[in-house]
Protein backbone atom coordinates (compact mmCIF):
# COMPACT_ATOMS: atom_id res chain seq x y z
CA MET A 1 128.51 78.41 127.73
CA LEU A 2 125.76 80.83 126.94
CA SER A 3 126.06 81.38 123.27
CA ARG A 4 126.41 76.77 123.49
CA TRP A 5 122.90 77.00 125.29
CA LEU A 6 121.26 79.35 123.26
CA ALA A 7 122.15 77.72 119.73
CA ALA A 8 120.86 74.61 121.30
CA PHE A 9 117.88 76.40 122.33
CA CYS A 10 117.10 77.59 119.21
CA LEU A 11 118.04 73.97 116.98
CA PRO A 12 114.33 72.79 117.52
CA PHE A 13 113.04 75.96 115.97
CA ALA A 14 115.37 76.18 113.25
CA GLY A 15 114.53 72.43 112.51
CA VAL A 16 110.63 73.35 112.42
CA THR A 17 111.14 76.41 110.02
CA GLY A 18 114.21 75.49 107.85
CA ILE A 19 115.90 78.67 108.97
CA SER A 20 119.78 79.03 110.21
CA ALA A 21 120.71 81.40 112.70
CA ASN A 22 122.22 83.66 110.33
CA GLU A 23 121.27 82.32 106.74
CA PHE A 24 120.64 84.80 104.35
CA ARG A 25 117.16 84.47 103.23
CA THR A 26 114.67 85.69 100.23
CA PRO A 27 111.25 87.51 101.32
CA SER A 28 107.38 85.75 101.68
CA ILE A 29 105.13 87.19 99.37
CA SER A 30 101.39 86.88 99.23
CA ALA A 31 99.49 86.67 96.06
CA ILE A 32 95.86 87.81 95.69
CA ARG A 33 93.34 86.25 93.72
CA VAL A 34 91.38 89.09 91.65
CA GLU A 35 87.65 89.61 91.64
CA TRP A 36 87.21 90.04 87.88
CA ARG A 37 83.48 89.45 87.78
CA ALA A 38 82.87 92.44 90.33
CA ALA A 39 85.36 94.60 88.17
CA LEU A 40 83.20 93.92 85.18
CA ASP A 41 79.98 94.90 86.57
CA GLN A 42 81.49 98.24 88.17
CA LEU A 43 82.99 98.90 84.50
CA ARG A 44 79.45 98.36 82.95
CA THR A 45 78.03 100.89 85.68
CA GLU A 46 80.65 103.43 84.66
CA ILE A 47 80.07 102.76 81.33
CA SER A 48 76.17 103.20 81.05
CA SER A 49 76.36 106.48 82.84
CA GLN A 50 76.81 107.90 79.64
CA PRO A 51 74.41 106.12 77.11
CA ALA A 52 76.00 107.39 73.60
CA ILE A 53 78.87 105.48 74.09
CA THR A 54 77.79 101.90 75.61
CA SER A 55 77.79 100.29 72.34
CA ARG A 56 81.49 100.85 71.74
CA PHE A 57 81.89 97.97 74.37
CA THR A 58 80.90 94.16 74.56
CA PHE A 59 80.56 92.64 78.06
CA ALA A 60 79.12 88.89 76.93
CA GLY A 61 82.33 86.80 77.35
CA ARG A 62 82.68 83.36 75.47
CA ALA A 63 81.25 80.95 77.99
CA ARG A 64 83.58 78.30 77.40
CA LEU A 65 86.81 80.34 78.32
CA PRO A 66 88.33 80.08 81.54
CA THR A 67 87.71 82.99 83.62
CA GLY A 68 91.55 83.87 83.81
CA ASP A 69 91.94 83.74 79.75
CA PRO A 70 92.69 87.37 78.61
CA ARG A 71 89.76 86.95 75.65
CA ALA A 72 87.41 86.31 78.37
CA PRO A 73 85.95 90.05 78.92
CA PRO A 74 85.96 91.75 75.50
CA ALA A 75 85.06 95.08 77.51
CA LEU A 76 88.62 95.26 79.06
CA VAL A 77 90.12 94.64 75.77
CA GLN A 78 88.10 97.36 74.27
CA LEU A 79 88.85 99.59 77.19
CA ASN A 80 92.59 98.67 77.06
CA ALA A 81 92.76 99.85 73.39
CA ILE A 82 91.06 103.12 73.98
CA ASN A 83 93.14 104.46 76.92
CA SER A 84 96.62 102.97 75.94
CA PRO A 85 97.79 106.08 74.10
CA MET A 86 97.84 107.74 77.71
CA PHE A 87 98.62 105.34 79.83
CA THR A 88 101.11 102.95 77.75
CA GLY A 89 100.89 99.24 78.66
CA ILE A 90 97.91 99.61 80.51
CA GLY A 91 96.66 96.06 79.54
CA ASN A 92 99.90 94.65 81.27
CA SER A 93 98.39 95.17 84.72
CA PRO A 94 96.79 91.76 86.23
CA VAL A 95 94.86 93.95 88.55
CA PRO A 96 91.99 96.44 87.73
CA VAL A 97 93.71 99.82 87.16
CA LEU A 98 92.04 102.72 88.90
CA LEU A 99 92.65 105.68 87.84
CA PRO A 100 91.23 109.16 88.27
CA PHE A 101 90.29 109.11 84.73
CA ASP A 102 86.42 109.05 83.39
CA THR A 103 86.56 107.13 80.11
CA ALA A 104 82.99 107.39 79.51
CA ALA A 105 83.04 111.06 79.64
CA TYR A 106 85.86 111.06 77.69
CA LEU A 107 84.26 109.28 74.83
CA ASP A 108 81.32 111.15 74.93
CA ALA A 109 82.96 114.37 74.52
CA GLU A 110 84.60 112.55 71.26
CA ALA A 111 81.05 111.77 70.16
CA ARG A 112 79.65 115.13 70.37
CA GLY A 113 82.82 116.01 67.86
CA THR A 114 85.32 117.56 70.73
CA ARG A 115 88.64 116.56 68.98
CA HIS A 116 91.28 115.58 71.16
CA PRO A 117 89.67 116.71 74.44
CA ALA A 118 91.96 117.99 77.14
CA VAL A 119 92.86 115.13 79.55
CA SER A 120 93.08 117.33 82.71
CA ARG A 121 89.42 118.03 82.43
CA TYR A 122 87.92 114.44 82.73
CA GLN A 123 90.27 113.36 85.47
CA ALA A 124 89.31 115.94 88.49
CA ASP A 125 91.94 118.58 87.02
CA PHE A 126 94.79 116.52 87.84
CA ARG A 127 97.40 117.23 85.08
CA PRO A 128 98.33 114.21 82.45
CA VAL A 129 100.12 111.52 84.05
CA ASP A 130 103.84 111.96 85.08
CA VAL A 131 104.27 108.05 85.27
CA PHE A 132 102.30 105.45 84.62
CA HIS A 133 103.67 101.34 84.93
CA ALA A 134 102.05 98.47 84.62
CA GLY A 135 103.40 94.85 84.75
CA PRO A 136 103.24 91.45 85.91
CA SER A 137 102.60 92.36 89.36
CA GLY A 138 100.56 95.53 89.23
CA TYR A 139 100.80 99.00 88.49
CA ASP A 140 101.82 102.42 89.82
CA ALA A 141 100.79 105.99 88.65
CA VAL A 142 102.27 109.10 89.57
CA PHE A 143 99.75 112.43 88.95
CA SER A 144 100.07 116.02 89.83
CA LEU A 145 97.59 118.72 90.93
CA GLU A 146 98.74 122.68 90.40
CA PRO A 147 98.54 124.77 93.07
CA ASP A 148 95.68 126.88 91.47
CA ASP A 149 93.51 124.07 90.72
CA GLY A 150 91.06 122.68 94.09
CA PRO A 151 91.60 123.98 97.59
CA SER A 152 93.84 127.14 98.16
CA ARG A 153 96.69 126.19 99.99
CA THR A 154 100.11 127.73 101.29
CA PHE A 155 102.51 125.08 99.53
CA ALA A 156 103.24 126.59 96.21
CA ARG A 157 104.18 123.86 94.13
CA PRO A 158 102.23 121.15 92.50
CA VAL A 159 101.12 118.22 94.88
CA GLU A 160 102.41 114.69 93.51
CA VAL A 161 99.73 111.82 94.27
CA GLN A 162 100.88 108.20 94.15
CA ILE A 163 98.43 104.92 93.65
CA THR A 164 99.65 101.88 93.63
CA GLY A 165 97.40 98.26 92.94
CA SER A 166 99.35 94.99 93.30
CA VAL A 167 98.36 91.18 92.90
CA LEU A 168 101.55 90.68 95.29
CA VAL A 169 101.86 91.66 99.01
CA TYR A 170 104.93 91.36 100.96
CA ASP A 171 104.78 89.57 104.17
CA LEU A 172 106.71 91.77 106.69
CA ALA A 173 106.29 91.68 110.73
CA ASP A 174 104.93 94.58 111.07
CA PRO A 175 103.62 95.94 114.07
CA LEU A 176 102.47 98.94 112.62
CA GLY A 177 100.58 97.74 109.79
CA GLY A 178 96.79 98.03 109.63
CA LYS A 179 96.00 100.65 111.45
CA GLY A 180 94.27 104.05 110.64
CA GLN A 181 90.92 105.92 111.00
CA PRO A 182 87.70 105.61 108.71
CA VAL A 183 86.91 108.34 106.18
CA ARG A 184 83.50 109.09 106.29
CA THR A 185 83.06 111.14 103.07
CA LEU A 186 84.58 107.98 101.12
CA ALA A 187 83.17 105.08 103.02
CA ALA A 188 80.14 104.64 100.67
CA GLN A 189 82.86 104.41 97.76
CA PHE A 190 85.45 102.79 99.48
CA PRO A 191 83.91 100.63 102.54
CA ASP A 192 87.13 99.50 104.11
CA ILE A 193 89.05 102.51 103.70
CA ARG A 194 91.31 104.10 106.43
CA ARG A 195 93.70 107.12 106.30
CA PHE A 196 96.90 107.30 108.50
CA ILE A 197 100.28 108.79 108.18
CA ARG A 198 103.28 106.47 107.87
CA GLU A 199 106.59 106.91 107.05
CA GLY A 200 106.68 110.51 105.88
CA TYR A 201 103.22 109.87 103.65
CA VAL A 202 99.62 110.27 104.22
CA ARG A 203 97.94 106.92 103.21
CA TYR A 204 94.52 105.77 102.00
CA ALA A 205 94.85 102.38 102.10
CA PHE A 206 91.44 100.13 100.66
CA THR A 207 90.25 97.08 99.08
CA ARG A 208 88.48 96.82 95.69
CA PHE A 209 87.81 93.76 93.79
CA GLY A 210 89.92 91.86 96.34
CA VAL A 211 93.15 93.89 95.29
CA PRO A 212 94.84 96.00 97.70
CA TYR A 213 95.25 99.54 96.39
CA VAL A 214 96.89 102.19 98.64
CA VAL A 215 97.19 106.48 97.44
CA SER A 216 99.84 108.44 99.18
CA ILE A 217 101.17 111.87 99.22
CA GLN A 218 104.61 112.84 100.67
CA CYS A 219 103.49 115.49 103.56
CA LEU A 220 104.56 116.51 107.00
CA ASP A 221 102.66 116.33 109.89
CA SER A 222 102.99 120.26 110.67
CA ALA A 223 102.29 123.66 109.73
CA PRO A 224 101.73 124.53 106.36
CA ARG A 225 104.55 125.71 104.50
CA PRO A 226 105.46 127.39 101.05
CA ARG A 227 108.26 124.73 100.16
CA ARG A 228 107.00 121.95 102.47
CA LEU A 229 103.37 120.33 102.13
CA ALA A 230 101.62 119.98 105.31
CA CYS A 231 99.65 116.62 105.64
CA ARG A 232 96.32 118.89 106.78
CA GLU A 233 96.57 120.20 103.03
CA ALA A 234 97.18 116.88 101.43
CA TYR A 235 93.85 115.63 102.77
CA PRO A 236 91.49 117.46 100.47
CA VAL A 237 94.13 116.66 97.25
CA ALA A 238 93.81 112.94 98.19
CA GLU A 239 90.24 112.92 98.36
CA ARG A 240 89.64 114.55 95.52
CA PHE A 241 91.72 112.10 93.58
CA LEU A 242 90.33 108.90 95.19
CA LYS A 243 86.47 110.34 94.55
CA ALA A 244 87.46 110.45 90.62
CA LEU A 245 88.75 107.12 90.41
CA ARG A 246 87.23 104.77 87.64
CA ILE A 247 88.32 101.61 86.06
CA ALA A 248 90.66 102.07 83.16
CA GLY A 249 92.30 99.18 82.01
CA GLY A 250 93.65 96.06 83.22
CA GLN A 251 93.58 92.31 81.92
CA PRO A 252 93.15 88.83 83.70
CA ALA A 253 95.87 86.81 83.84
CA ARG A 254 96.50 83.25 85.18
CA PRO A 255 96.08 82.50 88.97
CA ARG A 256 99.29 83.58 90.85
CA PHE A 257 100.69 81.53 94.18
CA ASP A 258 102.30 82.67 97.41
CA ILE A 259 106.16 82.73 97.07
CA PRO A 260 107.44 81.08 100.18
CA SER A 261 110.80 82.49 101.46
CA GLY A 262 113.84 80.59 100.77
CA ILE A 263 117.51 80.46 100.93
CA ALA A 264 118.99 83.26 98.99
CA GLU A 265 121.96 82.50 96.72
CA ARG A 266 125.48 83.45 97.50
CA PRO A 267 128.74 82.64 95.96
CA ALA A 268 130.17 79.65 97.40
CA ALA A 269 134.12 80.68 97.19
CA ALA A 270 135.13 82.62 100.14
CA SER A 271 136.24 86.04 99.60
CA ALA A 272 139.84 86.95 100.86
CA ASP A 273 139.09 90.46 102.53
CA PHE A 274 135.29 90.86 103.04
CA THR A 275 134.16 91.09 106.11
CA TYR A 276 130.55 92.55 107.75
CA ARG A 277 129.19 93.00 111.13
CA PRO A 278 125.73 91.49 111.61
CA SER A 279 122.44 93.47 110.14
CA GLY A 280 120.85 95.28 113.21
CA ASP A 281 124.28 95.78 114.87
CA ILE A 282 124.97 99.93 114.42
CA ILE A 283 127.10 101.91 116.31
CA ALA A 284 126.49 101.94 120.17
CA ARG A 285 124.27 105.16 120.92
CA SER A 286 123.76 105.90 117.28
CA GLY A 287 119.85 104.84 116.81
CA ALA A 288 117.05 107.37 117.71
CA ARG A 289 116.07 107.36 121.72
CA ARG A 290 119.53 105.54 121.94
CA ARG A 291 117.39 102.05 120.71
CA GLY A 292 119.26 99.23 118.80
CA GLY A 293 119.07 98.36 114.89
CA HIS A 294 116.77 96.51 113.15
CA ALA A 295 118.33 92.67 112.52
CA ASP A 296 117.10 91.38 108.69
CA LEU A 297 118.35 89.12 107.14
CA ALA A 298 116.19 89.22 104.20
CA VAL A 299 117.41 89.38 100.79
CA TYR A 300 114.33 91.23 99.27
CA SER A 301 116.01 91.48 95.40
CA GLN A 302 119.07 89.67 93.75
CA ILE A 303 120.25 92.95 92.13
CA ARG A 304 123.41 94.14 90.81
CA PHE A 305 125.36 96.43 93.53
CA PRO A 306 124.60 99.85 93.15
CA LEU A 307 127.97 101.39 92.39
CA GLU A 308 129.89 100.21 89.62
CA ARG A 309 132.68 98.92 91.09
CA ALA A 310 134.49 97.64 94.21
CA PRO A 311 135.82 98.18 96.61
CA VAL A 312 133.32 100.25 99.46
CA LEU A 313 132.42 100.65 102.56
CA VAL A 314 128.79 100.17 103.93
CA SER A 315 129.23 102.67 106.97
CA SER A 316 127.80 105.67 109.05
CA GLN A 317 128.48 109.00 107.10
CA GLN A 318 126.92 110.69 110.56
CA PHE A 319 128.28 108.97 113.71
CA GLY A 320 131.74 106.95 112.66
CA THR A 321 134.91 108.57 113.38
CA ARG A 322 138.44 107.36 112.72
CA LYS A 323 138.70 106.63 116.56
CA SER A 324 136.17 104.06 116.03
CA GLY A 325 137.75 102.09 113.06
CA ASP A 326 134.81 102.42 110.89
CA ARG A 327 136.24 105.19 108.10
CA ILE A 328 139.83 102.99 108.43
CA GLY A 329 139.86 100.87 104.97
CA VAL A 330 136.73 99.63 103.86
CA TYR A 331 135.93 96.56 105.81
CA PRO A 332 134.21 95.59 107.97
CA TRP A 333 130.98 96.85 106.44
CA ARG A 334 128.75 98.05 109.53
CA ASP A 335 124.28 98.58 109.35
CA ASN A 336 123.03 102.13 109.62
CA PHE A 337 119.41 101.69 108.57
CA CYS A 338 118.30 102.29 112.01
CA GLU A 339 120.57 105.49 113.02
CA ALA A 340 118.86 108.43 114.73
CA ARG A 341 117.20 110.69 112.10
CA SER A 342 113.79 112.72 111.61
CA PHE A 343 112.23 109.86 109.18
CA GLN A 344 110.00 107.56 110.51
CA VAL A 345 110.56 104.19 109.86
CA GLY A 346 108.10 101.70 111.33
CA GLN A 347 110.88 98.76 111.22
CA CYS A 348 113.06 100.22 113.58
CA ALA A 349 112.46 99.96 117.59
CA ALA A 350 112.30 103.78 118.19
CA GLY A 351 109.96 104.13 115.15
CA PHE A 352 112.67 106.61 113.64
CA GLY A 353 115.90 106.11 111.18
CA HIS A 354 117.66 106.53 108.29
CA GLN A 355 115.55 104.58 105.81
CA GLY A 356 118.55 103.20 104.10
CA GLN A 357 122.49 102.39 104.01
CA ASP A 358 125.31 105.07 103.14
CA ILE A 359 127.60 103.74 100.37
CA ARG A 360 130.99 105.37 100.38
CA PRO A 361 133.56 104.92 97.66
CA ALA A 362 136.79 103.77 98.84
CA PRO A 363 139.53 105.96 99.41
CA CYS A 364 142.70 106.26 97.25
CA PRO A 365 145.44 104.40 98.37
CA PRO A 366 148.08 106.34 99.63
CA ASN A 367 150.74 107.50 97.89
CA SER A 368 148.94 105.89 94.68
CA GLY A 369 148.56 108.60 92.16
CA ALA A 370 145.39 107.53 91.46
CA GLU A 371 143.27 110.57 92.95
CA SER A 372 141.86 111.53 89.17
CA ALA A 373 140.67 108.07 89.03
CA CYS A 374 139.23 106.97 92.45
CA HIS A 375 138.10 110.26 93.43
CA PRO A 376 134.28 109.93 94.61
CA ARG A 377 133.42 111.91 92.20
CA LYS A 378 134.44 109.75 89.57
CA GLN A 379 132.49 106.63 90.95
CA ALA A 380 129.61 105.79 88.71
CA VAL A 381 125.96 104.94 90.00
CA VAL A 382 124.26 102.35 88.44
CA ALA A 383 120.71 100.84 88.10
CA VAL A 384 120.37 97.70 90.03
CA ARG A 385 117.81 95.99 88.03
CA ASP A 386 115.88 96.82 84.56
CA GLY A 387 113.14 99.55 85.93
CA VAL A 388 111.46 102.60 85.61
CA VAL A 389 112.51 105.86 87.28
CA ILE A 390 110.24 107.96 89.50
CA ARG A 391 111.78 111.55 89.70
CA SER A 392 110.71 115.11 88.71
CA LEU A 393 112.41 118.10 87.63
CA LYS A 394 114.58 119.18 90.63
CA GLN A 395 114.56 116.08 92.68
CA GLN A 396 117.54 114.95 94.58
CA ALA A 397 116.41 111.55 94.71
CA ALA A 398 115.82 109.02 92.27
CA THR A 399 113.66 106.50 92.63
CA LEU A 400 113.62 102.54 90.28
CA GLN A 401 110.14 100.98 90.06
CA ILE A 402 110.91 97.29 89.71
CA ASN A 403 107.58 95.24 88.68
CA THR A 404 107.81 91.34 87.28
CA GLY A 405 105.90 88.47 87.76
CA ASN A 406 107.82 87.55 91.35
CA GLU A 407 108.39 90.86 92.81
CA HIS A 408 107.09 94.62 93.17
CA ILE A 409 109.97 96.86 94.54
CA ARG A 410 111.47 100.07 94.77
CA PHE A 411 115.03 101.20 94.75
CA ARG A 412 115.74 104.92 95.63
CA TYR A 413 119.54 106.67 95.11
CA MET A 414 120.11 109.94 97.19
CA HIS A 415 122.84 112.89 96.61
CA MET A 416 123.38 113.06 93.11
CA ASN A 417 123.51 116.26 91.94
CA PRO A 418 119.76 117.32 90.36
CA SER A 419 121.06 119.65 87.77
CA ALA A 420 123.17 116.75 86.34
CA MET A 421 120.46 114.06 86.78
CA ASP A 422 118.11 116.54 84.96
CA ALA A 423 120.56 117.31 82.17
CA ASP A 424 120.88 113.42 81.58
CA GLY A 425 116.81 113.30 81.45
CA VAL A 426 116.78 110.92 84.35
CA LEU A 427 112.98 111.80 84.83
CA ASN A 428 109.72 110.23 85.16
CA GLY A 429 108.90 107.15 83.15
CA ARG A 430 113.05 106.93 81.42
CA ARG A 431 113.75 103.17 82.00
CA LEU A 432 116.86 101.86 82.98
CA ALA A 433 118.79 99.06 81.95
CA GLU A 434 120.54 96.84 84.76
CA GLY A 435 124.14 97.92 85.35
CA GLU A 436 123.46 101.18 83.29
CA LYS A 437 125.01 104.36 84.45
CA PHE A 438 122.81 107.19 85.41
CA GLY A 439 124.87 109.44 87.76
CA VAL A 440 128.12 109.68 90.11
CA VAL A 441 128.50 109.50 93.80
CA SER A 442 127.90 113.06 95.11
CA ASN A 443 127.29 115.51 98.10
CA TYR A 444 124.06 116.85 97.29
CA LEU A 445 121.57 117.29 100.18
CA ASP A 446 119.25 120.30 99.69
CA PHE A 447 122.40 122.33 98.29
CA PRO A 448 125.98 121.42 96.56
CA ASN A 449 128.53 120.06 99.71
CA GLY A 450 125.26 119.74 101.88
CA THR A 451 126.58 116.26 103.23
CA SER A 452 129.67 113.65 102.48
CA TYR A 453 130.71 112.23 99.26
CA HIS A 454 128.40 108.94 99.64
CA LEU A 455 125.39 107.38 97.99
CA HIS A 456 122.43 106.73 100.21
CA PHE A 457 120.33 103.72 99.09
CA ASP A 458 117.46 102.33 100.25
CA VAL A 459 114.38 99.41 99.24
CA GLN A 460 110.93 100.14 99.84
CA VAL A 461 108.29 96.65 99.07
CA PHE A 462 104.67 96.76 98.53
CA THR A 463 101.82 96.03 101.73
CA ARG A 464 98.73 96.82 102.54
CA ASP A 465 99.91 99.69 104.06
CA GLY A 466 101.55 100.95 100.91
CA TRP A 467 105.39 101.35 100.20
CA ILE A 468 107.60 100.58 103.71
CA TRP A 469 111.31 101.02 104.05
CA VAL A 470 112.92 97.70 104.76
CA ASN A 471 116.24 97.20 105.86
CA PRO A 472 118.78 96.98 102.69
CA TYR A 473 121.85 95.61 104.33
CA THR A 474 121.57 92.01 103.87
CA THR A 475 120.49 92.92 100.06
CA LEU A 476 123.55 94.88 99.79
CA ILE A 477 125.86 92.38 101.33
CA ALA A 478 124.60 89.61 98.82
CA SER A 479 124.55 92.03 95.95
CA TYR A 480 128.50 93.03 96.69
CA GLU A 481 129.44 89.11 96.89
CA ARG A 482 128.07 88.84 93.32
CA LEU A 483 130.26 91.78 92.22
CA ILE A 484 133.24 90.68 94.04
CA ARG A 485 132.65 86.75 93.48
CA GLY A 486 133.27 85.97 96.87
CA ARG A 487 131.32 85.15 99.77
CA GLY A 488 132.41 87.74 102.93
CA ARG A 489 132.56 86.62 106.58
CA GLU A 490 130.53 88.01 109.37
CA ILE A 491 132.35 89.33 112.29
CA GLY A 492 130.69 89.65 115.98
CA THR A 493 129.83 88.31 118.61
CA GLN A 494 126.82 86.37 118.27
CA PRO A 495 124.29 86.02 115.38
CA PRO A 496 121.55 88.20 115.06
CA ALA A 497 118.95 85.41 115.76
CA VAL A 498 120.52 84.36 118.66
CA ALA A 499 120.85 87.57 120.56
CA ALA A 500 117.01 87.97 119.72
CA VAL A 501 116.12 85.24 121.33
CA ALA A 502 118.79 85.75 124.43
CA HIS A 503 117.04 89.32 124.73
CA ALA A 504 113.72 87.66 124.81
CA LEU A 505 114.59 85.08 127.43
CA PRO A 506 113.33 85.58 131.03
CA GLN A 507 116.66 87.07 133.30
CA ASN A 508 116.31 83.89 135.70
CA ILE A 509 116.98 81.77 133.07
CA LEU A 510 120.10 83.66 131.90
CA ARG A 511 121.19 83.97 134.87
CA GLN A 512 121.36 80.01 135.61
CA VAL A 513 122.66 79.20 132.19
CA ALA A 514 125.61 82.07 132.75
CA ARG A 515 126.90 80.15 135.80
């Protein structure tokens, strides 16, 4: 009776929003309007700092062309042509590309007779870019600063700094969003800049030319160590990077429009055996501080499933036991996004979680004689979309960056062997095609045999706080359904939306309904 009453209670709201209680949805994304005139004014100021090279740029556009026409600002076309050898495809970005590269000083050195000036000298001693990827939704770049450059520090490895500028911003229900502290030393250059530590990164978020940009460095909010970068050591590196930012390229594009949420595509035919528990339904008491999971019905991208073939199990690799039934067979699947870990995850109620989902290849059938063919070490890991790899040598995580006209999203793969990925060239800037094999399921976690044989897979989307982890469970369900060409069946007591409404209702109403 309670379930029927709750369904009736939710019906008017479902009618208003067009959302069924358990319908898979695509994400809602906001589009940014870029202030290109302000960007051109800033570029003119930067170029004029070196009078000897100002004649190489033309700032008077064709008056009859609309602002969004690519031929309108000749100076940007000229700038892209100059910098594209160092930052391939820079003209593909629909937002002004801010990088720690002083184009005017670099050109002035060339004009004075310096052949092939050292790039790092003109980008605050950051070495040549590790990754630069520009596309219809914006751009992403990764730079590194060697230990001997800049402030002395305990951390003995190069510090990697990431920057993203995007015309697309994902609309998340984010209670932690928009927070942070002002940075006085950068306020004159970036009036709205704020610094905060979130999900394992120190982040500097600001708006320029109407566009959200975020500079971030992965770090620990702890004491400095030779192998673990402390956030306090990351601050001066990030601020050095920010002070050096200049306009390096970009090109106006036609105005973009918001992308509303809609019903996600799924197979019409039912699968004979694929079942799954609701999103947010994690194993009891497995969440951080014994809090529950995070129900998220968003299919964040239409992806190819990350393992080459079915069947597979999505379930806990840490809390599941044979007694619980979660390790017997491959179905039903179970969410493990908010399981207890030390990682910060803003979408989880406790503020900590797993960040992604564990995917385990199916065990070999008993007495099948197929052990050599179906052993986890034989299970291929594939690219879920066409994208660009972000990964340095020896790193155990490989991130696939996707940048299209309607999405700006990242997918991270973990526990493959780093030596094997190094040997196969799965490194910064490599382009992968959807479905392309680039590794096998393994058990690496800081060292071989550090975990069970499985693939950790997670999803990040760009927001005004930078790249934020979101629950990939529903996205994986939808992609698996396409792989097996059949729609799965949810099993459980209540759909997540109904359960959430029940939790929010006053207790006296629930007692009356229960009677």
